[in-house]
Amino acid sequence: MYAVIHAGGKQYRVSSGEKLRVEHLPAAVGEAVSFSQVLAVGEGGNLRVGAPYVDGVSVKGTVLEHGRGDKVVVFKMHRRKGYRRTQGHRQSYTEVRIDDIVG
């Protein structure tokens, strides 16, 4: 069984037992989290698609760790003008283990 969830402005296809990196969640390590914005649920050939969300379905997970991704370097330059700007960014994430799809 799998589900398509909406978390942190992105959509993820998840199934029970897999690990997932989502945008930073305000939950402690080891704490249970629930994703109620489920866009679709499928099993075998059957697929239930919500409009926009499937009613009565949620995805339960456990927070494994918090971290930060690789650095992304933003470099701007105008040639022959002496203009150079460098800026870096590291996006925070939360790693979640999907425990169960309820509903």
N, C-alpha and C. Protein backbone atom coordinates (compact mmCIF):
# COMPACT_ATOMS: atom_id res chain seq x y z
N MET A 1 0.84 -1.18 0.00
CA MET A 1 0.00 0.00 0.00
C MET A 1 0.89 1.24 0.00
N TYR A 2 0.48 2.24 -0.77
CA TYR A 2 1.25 3.47 -0.83
C TYR A 2 0.29 4.66 -0.76
N ALA A 3 0.87 5.82 -0.47
CA ALA A 3 0.09 7.05 -0.41
C ALA A 3 0.92 8.18 -0.98
N VAL A 4 0.25 9.21 -1.46
CA VAL A 4 0.90 10.43 -1.91
C VAL A 4 0.50 11.51 -0.92
N ILE A 5 1.50 12.07 -0.21
CA ILE A 5 1.21 13.06 0.82
C ILE A 5 1.75 14.43 0.40
N HIS A 6 1.21 15.45 1.04
CA HIS A 6 1.63 16.83 0.81
C HIS A 6 2.28 17.31 2.10
N ALA A 7 3.59 17.63 2.04
CA ALA A 7 4.31 18.08 3.24
C ALA A 7 5.36 19.10 2.83
N GLY A 8 5.34 20.25 3.46
CA GLY A 8 6.35 21.27 3.20
C GLY A 8 6.32 21.82 1.79
N GLY A 9 5.14 21.87 1.18
CA GLY A 9 5.02 22.42 -0.16
C GLY A 9 5.41 21.45 -1.27
N LYS A 10 5.70 20.22 -0.92
CA LYS A 10 6.08 19.21 -1.91
C LYS A 10 5.20 17.98 -1.76
N GLN A 11 5.19 17.14 -2.78
CA GLN A 11 4.43 15.90 -2.74
C GLN A 11 5.39 14.72 -2.73
N TYR A 12 5.07 13.72 -1.90
CA TYR A 12 5.92 12.55 -1.74
C TYR A 12 5.07 11.29 -1.87
N ARG A 13 5.61 10.30 -2.57
CA ARG A 13 4.97 8.98 -2.64
C ARG A 13 5.63 8.13 -1.57
N VAL A 14 4.85 7.67 -0.59
CA VAL A 14 5.41 6.94 0.55
C VAL A 14 4.71 5.61 0.71
N SER A 15 5.43 4.68 1.32
CA SER A 15 4.85 3.41 1.71
C SER A 15 5.38 3.05 3.09
N SER A 16 4.76 2.12 3.72
CA SER A 16 5.09 1.77 5.10
C SER A 16 6.52 1.23 5.20
N GLY A 17 7.28 1.73 6.19
CA GLY A 17 8.62 1.25 6.45
C GLY A 17 9.74 2.05 5.80
N GLU A 18 9.44 2.98 4.91
CA GLU A 18 10.51 3.70 4.25
C GLU A 18 10.84 5.00 4.98
N LYS A 19 12.05 5.53 4.72
CA LYS A 19 12.51 6.77 5.32
C LYS A 19 12.32 7.90 4.32
N LEU A 20 12.03 9.09 4.86
CA LEU A 20 11.67 10.22 4.01
C LEU A 20 12.25 11.49 4.61
N ARG A 21 12.84 12.34 3.77
CA ARG A 21 13.34 13.65 4.20
C ARG A 21 12.35 14.71 3.75
N VAL A 22 11.75 15.40 4.74
CA VAL A 22 10.81 16.46 4.45
C VAL A 22 11.36 17.77 5.00
N GLU A 23 10.71 18.88 4.67
CA GLU A 23 11.09 20.16 5.24
C GLU A 23 11.03 20.08 6.75
N HIS A 24 11.77 20.93 7.43
CA HIS A 24 11.89 20.88 8.89
C HIS A 24 10.52 20.90 9.57
N LEU A 25 10.31 19.94 10.48
CA LEU A 25 9.08 19.86 11.26
C LEU A 25 9.38 20.22 12.71
N PRO A 26 8.48 20.93 13.39
CA PRO A 26 8.71 21.29 14.80
C PRO A 26 8.34 20.15 15.72
N ALA A 27 9.05 19.03 15.62
CA ALA A 27 8.80 17.86 16.46
C ALA A 27 10.14 17.32 16.95
N ALA A 28 10.14 16.77 18.16
CA ALA A 28 11.37 16.25 18.75
C ALA A 28 11.70 14.88 18.15
N VAL A 29 12.96 14.50 18.26
CA VAL A 29 13.40 13.19 17.77
C VAL A 29 12.70 12.11 18.59
N GLY A 30 12.15 11.12 17.90
CA GLY A 30 11.41 10.05 18.55
C GLY A 30 9.93 10.32 18.68
N GLU A 31 9.50 11.52 18.38
CA GLU A 31 8.10 11.89 18.50
C GLU A 31 7.32 11.41 17.28
N ALA A 32 6.05 11.09 17.48
CA ALA A 32 5.19 10.64 16.39
C ALA A 32 4.63 11.85 15.66
N VAL A 33 4.58 11.77 14.33
CA VAL A 33 3.99 12.82 13.51
C VAL A 33 2.92 12.21 12.62
N SER A 34 1.98 13.03 12.21
CA SER A 34 0.89 12.56 11.36
C SER A 34 0.75 13.52 10.18
N PHE A 35 0.62 12.96 9.00
CA PHE A 35 0.38 13.73 7.78
C PHE A 35 -1.07 13.48 7.36
N SER A 36 -1.90 14.51 7.50
CA SER A 36 -3.32 14.34 7.19
C SER A 36 -3.66 14.77 5.77
N GLN A 37 -2.73 15.47 5.10
CA GLN A 37 -2.98 15.92 3.74
C GLN A 37 -2.54 14.82 2.77
N VAL A 38 -3.41 13.83 2.60
CA VAL A 38 -3.14 12.69 1.72
C VAL A 38 -3.86 12.93 0.40
N LEU A 39 -3.10 13.00 -0.69
CA LEU A 39 -3.67 13.30 -2.00
C LEU A 39 -4.22 12.06 -2.70
N ALA A 40 -3.58 10.90 -2.48
CA ALA A 40 -4.01 9.66 -3.13
C ALA A 40 -3.56 8.48 -2.30
N VAL A 41 -4.32 7.39 -2.38
CA VAL A 41 -3.98 6.14 -1.70
C VAL A 41 -4.17 5.02 -2.72
N GLY A 42 -3.17 4.14 -2.81
CA GLY A 42 -3.26 3.05 -3.77
C GLY A 42 -2.78 1.74 -3.20
N GLU A 43 -3.37 0.66 -3.71
CA GLU A 43 -2.94 -0.68 -3.33
C GLU A 43 -3.23 -1.59 -4.52
N GLY A 44 -2.16 -2.13 -5.08
CA GLY A 44 -2.33 -2.96 -6.27
C GLY A 44 -2.85 -2.12 -7.43
N GLY A 45 -3.97 -2.51 -8.00
CA GLY A 45 -4.56 -1.78 -9.11
C GLY A 45 -5.57 -0.73 -8.68
N ASN A 46 -5.90 -0.70 -7.38
CA ASN A 46 -6.88 0.25 -6.88
C ASN A 46 -6.21 1.56 -6.48
N LEU A 47 -6.81 2.67 -6.88
CA LEU A 47 -6.28 3.99 -6.55
C LEU A 47 -7.43 4.90 -6.17
N ARG A 48 -7.33 5.50 -4.98
CA ARG A 48 -8.31 6.49 -4.54
C ARG A 48 -7.64 7.85 -4.58
N VAL A 49 -8.22 8.77 -5.34
CA VAL A 49 -7.68 10.11 -5.49
C VAL A 49 -8.63 11.08 -4.82
N GLY A 50 -8.09 11.98 -4.02
CA GLY A 50 -8.90 12.96 -3.31
C GLY A 50 -9.14 14.20 -4.15
N ALA A 51 -10.05 15.04 -3.63
CA ALA A 51 -10.36 16.30 -4.31
C ALA A 51 -10.47 17.41 -3.27
N PRO A 52 -9.43 17.99 -2.75
CA PRO A 52 -8.03 17.72 -3.03
C PRO A 52 -7.43 16.61 -2.17
N TYR A 53 -8.05 16.31 -1.01
CA TYR A 53 -7.48 15.29 -0.11
C TYR A 53 -8.46 14.14 0.06
N VAL A 54 -7.91 12.95 0.35
CA VAL A 54 -8.73 11.77 0.59
C VAL A 54 -9.25 11.85 2.01
N ASP A 55 -10.56 11.72 2.19
CA ASP A 55 -11.18 11.82 3.51
C ASP A 55 -10.88 10.58 4.35
N GLY A 56 -10.58 10.80 5.63
CA GLY A 56 -10.42 9.69 6.57
C GLY A 56 -9.11 8.94 6.48
N VAL A 57 -8.14 9.45 5.73
CA VAL A 57 -6.86 8.76 5.58
C VAL A 57 -5.75 9.66 6.12
N SER A 58 -4.84 9.06 6.89
CA SER A 58 -3.67 9.80 7.38
C SER A 58 -2.47 8.87 7.35
N VAL A 59 -1.30 9.47 7.36
CA VAL A 59 -0.05 8.71 7.35
C VAL A 59 0.68 9.00 8.65
N LYS A 60 1.01 7.95 9.40
CA LYS A 60 1.70 8.08 10.68
C LYS A 60 3.18 7.82 10.49
N GLY A 61 4.00 8.59 11.21
CA GLY A 61 5.44 8.42 11.11
C GLY A 61 6.13 8.77 12.41
N THR A 62 7.43 8.50 12.47
CA THR A 62 8.25 8.79 13.64
C THR A 62 9.45 9.60 13.18
N VAL A 63 9.77 10.67 13.92
CA VAL A 63 10.91 11.52 13.59
C VAL A 63 12.20 10.78 13.98
N LEU A 64 13.10 10.62 13.01
CA LEU A 64 14.37 9.94 13.26
C LEU A 64 15.48 10.93 13.58
N GLU A 65 15.57 12.02 12.81
CA GLU A 65 16.62 13.01 13.06
C GLU A 65 16.29 14.32 12.36
N HIS A 66 16.98 15.36 12.80
CA HIS A 66 16.95 16.65 12.14
C HIS A 66 18.34 16.91 11.58
N GLY A 67 18.41 17.62 10.48
CA GLY A 67 19.71 17.90 9.90
C GLY A 67 19.63 19.04 8.91
N ARG A 68 20.75 19.26 8.25
CA ARG A 68 20.83 20.30 7.23
C ARG A 68 21.43 19.70 5.97
N GLY A 69 20.91 20.11 4.84
CA GLY A 69 21.36 19.57 3.57
C GLY A 69 22.70 20.15 3.14
N ASP A 70 23.12 19.76 1.95
CA ASP A 70 24.37 20.26 1.39
C ASP A 70 24.24 21.75 1.08
N LYS A 71 25.39 22.42 1.09
CA LYS A 71 25.39 23.85 0.82
C LYS A 71 25.18 24.10 -0.67
N VAL A 72 24.30 25.06 -0.95
CA VAL A 72 24.06 25.53 -2.30
C VAL A 72 24.69 26.92 -2.40
N VAL A 73 25.58 27.11 -3.36
CA VAL A 73 26.27 28.38 -3.52
C VAL A 73 25.58 29.18 -4.63
N VAL A 74 25.20 30.42 -4.30
CA VAL A 74 24.59 31.33 -5.27
C VAL A 74 25.64 32.38 -5.60
N PHE A 75 26.05 32.44 -6.86
CA PHE A 75 27.09 33.37 -7.30
C PHE A 75 26.55 34.24 -8.41
N LYS A 76 26.64 35.56 -8.21
CA LYS A 76 26.19 36.51 -9.22
C LYS A 76 27.37 37.34 -9.67
N MET A 77 27.41 37.64 -10.98
CA MET A 77 28.51 38.42 -11.51
C MET A 77 28.05 39.18 -12.74
N HIS A 78 28.49 40.43 -12.83
CA HIS A 78 28.33 41.20 -14.06
C HIS A 78 29.72 41.38 -14.65
N ARG A 79 29.93 40.90 -15.82
CA ARG A 79 31.27 40.95 -16.37
C ARG A 79 31.73 42.38 -16.65
N ARG A 80 32.99 42.63 -16.42
CA ARG A 80 33.66 43.91 -16.66
C ARG A 80 33.15 45.04 -15.76
N LYS A 81 32.37 44.78 -14.75
CA LYS A 81 31.82 45.83 -13.90
C LYS A 81 32.31 45.75 -12.46
N GLY A 82 33.04 44.70 -12.11
CA GLY A 82 33.53 44.55 -10.76
C GLY A 82 32.46 44.11 -9.77
N TYR A 83 31.36 43.60 -10.28
CA TYR A 83 30.24 43.18 -9.42
C TYR A 83 30.31 41.67 -9.22
N ARG A 84 30.50 41.26 -7.98
CA ARG A 84 30.50 39.83 -7.64
C ARG A 84 29.85 39.66 -6.28
N ARG A 85 28.90 38.74 -6.17
CA ARG A 85 28.23 38.44 -4.92
C ARG A 85 28.17 36.94 -4.75
N THR A 86 28.54 36.47 -3.58
CA THR A 86 28.46 35.06 -3.26
C THR A 86 27.60 34.89 -2.03
N GLN A 87 26.68 33.96 -2.10
CA GLN A 87 25.82 33.69 -0.96
C GLN A 87 25.60 32.18 -0.88
N GLY A 88 25.58 31.64 0.32
CA GLY A 88 25.35 30.21 0.51
C GLY A 88 24.05 29.95 1.24
N HIS A 89 23.53 28.73 1.08
CA HIS A 89 22.28 28.35 1.74
C HIS A 89 22.32 26.87 2.07
N ARG A 90 21.89 26.51 3.28
CA ARG A 90 21.73 25.11 3.67
C ARG A 90 20.31 24.94 4.19
N GLN A 91 19.55 24.07 3.55
CA GLN A 91 18.15 23.86 3.90
C GLN A 91 18.05 22.85 5.04
N SER A 92 17.26 23.16 6.05
CA SER A 92 17.02 22.24 7.16
C SER A 92 16.01 21.18 6.74
N TYR A 93 16.18 19.96 7.26
CA TYR A 93 15.26 18.88 6.96
C TYR A 93 14.98 18.06 8.20
N THR A 94 13.94 17.25 8.13
CA THR A 94 13.60 16.29 9.17
C THR A 94 13.46 14.94 8.49
N GLU A 95 14.15 13.94 9.02
CA GLU A 95 14.03 12.59 8.47
C GLU A 95 12.97 11.84 9.25
N VAL A 96 12.00 11.28 8.53
CA VAL A 96 10.85 10.61 9.13
C VAL A 96 10.77 9.19 8.61
N ARG A 97 10.50 8.24 9.51
CA ARG A 97 10.22 6.85 9.11
C ARG A 97 8.71 6.70 9.06
N ILE A 98 8.19 6.25 7.92
CA ILE A 98 6.76 6.06 7.75
C ILE A 98 6.38 4.74 8.40
N ASP A 99 5.50 4.81 9.41
CA ASP A 99 5.09 3.63 10.15
C ASP A 99 3.84 2.96 9.59
N ASP A 100 2.83 3.78 9.28
CA ASP A 100 1.57 3.17 8.90
C ASP A 100 0.73 4.15 8.07
N ILE A 101 -0.10 3.59 7.20
CA ILE A 101 -1.07 4.37 6.45
C ILE A 101 -2.44 3.96 6.98
N VAL A 102 -3.11 4.89 7.66
CA VAL A 102 -4.36 4.58 8.37
C VAL A 102 -5.53 5.07 7.56
N GLY A 103 -6.51 4.19 7.36
CA GLY A 103 -7.74 4.62 6.70
C GLY A 103 -8.17 3.73 5.63
